[in-house]
């Protein structure tokens, strides 16, 4: 994952330099690839945060995060562990 993030940052820098050399304008607004790479990088940060949350709080896999909504989705005994093995 670190390799992917570093490669993404390097590609963003390449695109910024090319855009600046080409037109001198704001590269983020004018280049759809930079916006796409920024979105991808944001998703990678979110994924890392979510995985870390699952590692530190494994109960999230089988319990609702907000217990106030637990009766809306499942009935008692409705959880099937076989789906998650």
Protein backbone atom coordinates (compact mmCIF):
# COMPACT_ATOMS: atom_id res chain seq x y z
CA UNK A 1 0.00 0.00 0.00
CA UNK A 2 2.87 2.34 0.76
CA UNK A 3 4.24 1.77 -2.75
CA UNK A 4 0.87 2.70 -4.27
CA UNK A 5 0.62 5.91 -2.24
CA UNK A 6 4.18 6.94 -3.07
CA UNK A 7 3.65 6.19 -6.77
CA UNK A 8 0.44 8.23 -6.72
CA UNK A 9 2.21 11.21 -5.17
CA UNK A 10 5.03 10.96 -7.71
CA UNK A 11 2.54 10.89 -10.59
CA UNK A 12 0.74 13.91 -9.14
CA UNK A 13 4.02 15.84 -9.00
CA UNK A 14 4.81 14.87 -12.61
CA UNK A 15 1.40 16.06 -13.77
CA UNK A 16 1.67 19.32 -11.80
CA UNK A 17 5.10 20.04 -13.29
CA UNK A 18 3.90 19.26 -16.81
CA UNK A 19 0.80 21.44 -16.40
CA UNK A 20 2.80 24.32 -14.94
CA UNK A 21 5.34 24.09 -17.75
CA UNK A 22 2.59 23.92 -20.36
CA UNK A 23 0.32 26.74 -19.27
CA UNK A 24 1.37 28.12 -15.93
CA UNK A 25 -2.22 27.90 -14.67
CA UNK A 26 -3.60 26.21 -11.58
CA UNK A 27 -2.91 22.52 -12.30
CA UNK A 28 -5.49 21.05 -9.92
CA UNK A 29 -8.48 22.84 -11.44
CA UNK A 30 -7.50 22.26 -15.06
CA UNK A 31 -6.28 18.67 -14.96
CA UNK A 32 -8.85 15.90 -14.47
CA UNK A 33 -6.07 13.36 -13.82
CA UNK A 34 -4.88 15.33 -10.80
CA UNK A 35 -8.42 15.42 -9.41
CA UNK A 36 -8.79 11.68 -10.01
CA UNK A 37 -5.49 10.90 -8.31
CA UNK A 38 -6.42 13.12 -5.36
CA UNK A 39 -9.70 11.23 -5.02
CA UNK A 40 -7.88 7.91 -5.21
CA UNK A 41 -5.43 9.03 -2.54
CA UNK A 42 -8.33 10.11 -0.34
CA UNK A 43 -9.91 6.66 -0.70
CA UNK A 44 -6.60 5.02 0.24
CA UNK A 45 -6.42 7.15 3.41
CA UNK A 46 -10.01 6.22 4.26
CA UNK A 47 -9.25 2.52 3.67
CA UNK A 48 -6.22 2.66 5.95
CA UNK A 49 -8.25 4.35 8.66
CA UNK A 50 -11.07 1.81 8.32
CA UNK A 51 -8.70 -1.20 8.44
CA UNK A 52 -7.01 0.25 11.52
CA UNK A 53 -10.43 0.72 13.13
CA UNK A 54 -11.31 -2.94 12.43
CA UNK A 55 -7.99 -4.10 13.87
CA UNK A 56 -8.43 -2.13 17.08
CA UNK A 57 -12.16 -2.84 17.43
CA UNK A 58 -12.90 -6.25 15.87
CA UNK A 59 -16.43 -6.27 17.28
CA UNK A 60 -17.41 -3.95 14.40
CA UNK A 61 -17.57 -6.99 12.14
CA UNK A 62 -20.57 -8.48 13.90
CA UNK A 63 -22.09 -5.59 15.87
CA UNK A 64 -23.60 -2.33 14.77
CA UNK A 65 -21.44 0.70 15.40
CA UNK A 66 -24.47 2.69 16.52
CA UNK A 67 -26.52 0.43 18.79
CA UNK A 68 -29.58 2.66 18.44
CA UNK A 69 -30.10 1.25 14.93
CA UNK A 70 -29.44 -2.43 15.65
CA UNK A 71 -33.14 -3.36 15.80
CA UNK A 72 -33.81 -1.82 12.37
CA UNK A 73 -31.56 -4.15 10.44
CA UNK A 74 -31.62 -7.48 12.26
CA UNK A 75 -33.81 -9.54 14.46
CA UNK A 76 -32.33 -11.45 17.44
CA UNK A 77 -30.49 -14.55 16.21
CA UNK A 78 -30.38 -13.29 12.62
CA UNK A 79 -26.58 -12.95 12.49
CA UNK A 80 -25.01 -15.83 10.54
CA UNK A 81 -21.33 -16.34 11.39
CA UNK A 82 -20.84 -18.65 8.37
CA UNK A 83 -21.18 -15.67 6.04
CA UNK A 84 -18.07 -14.12 7.62
CA UNK A 85 -15.78 -17.15 7.87
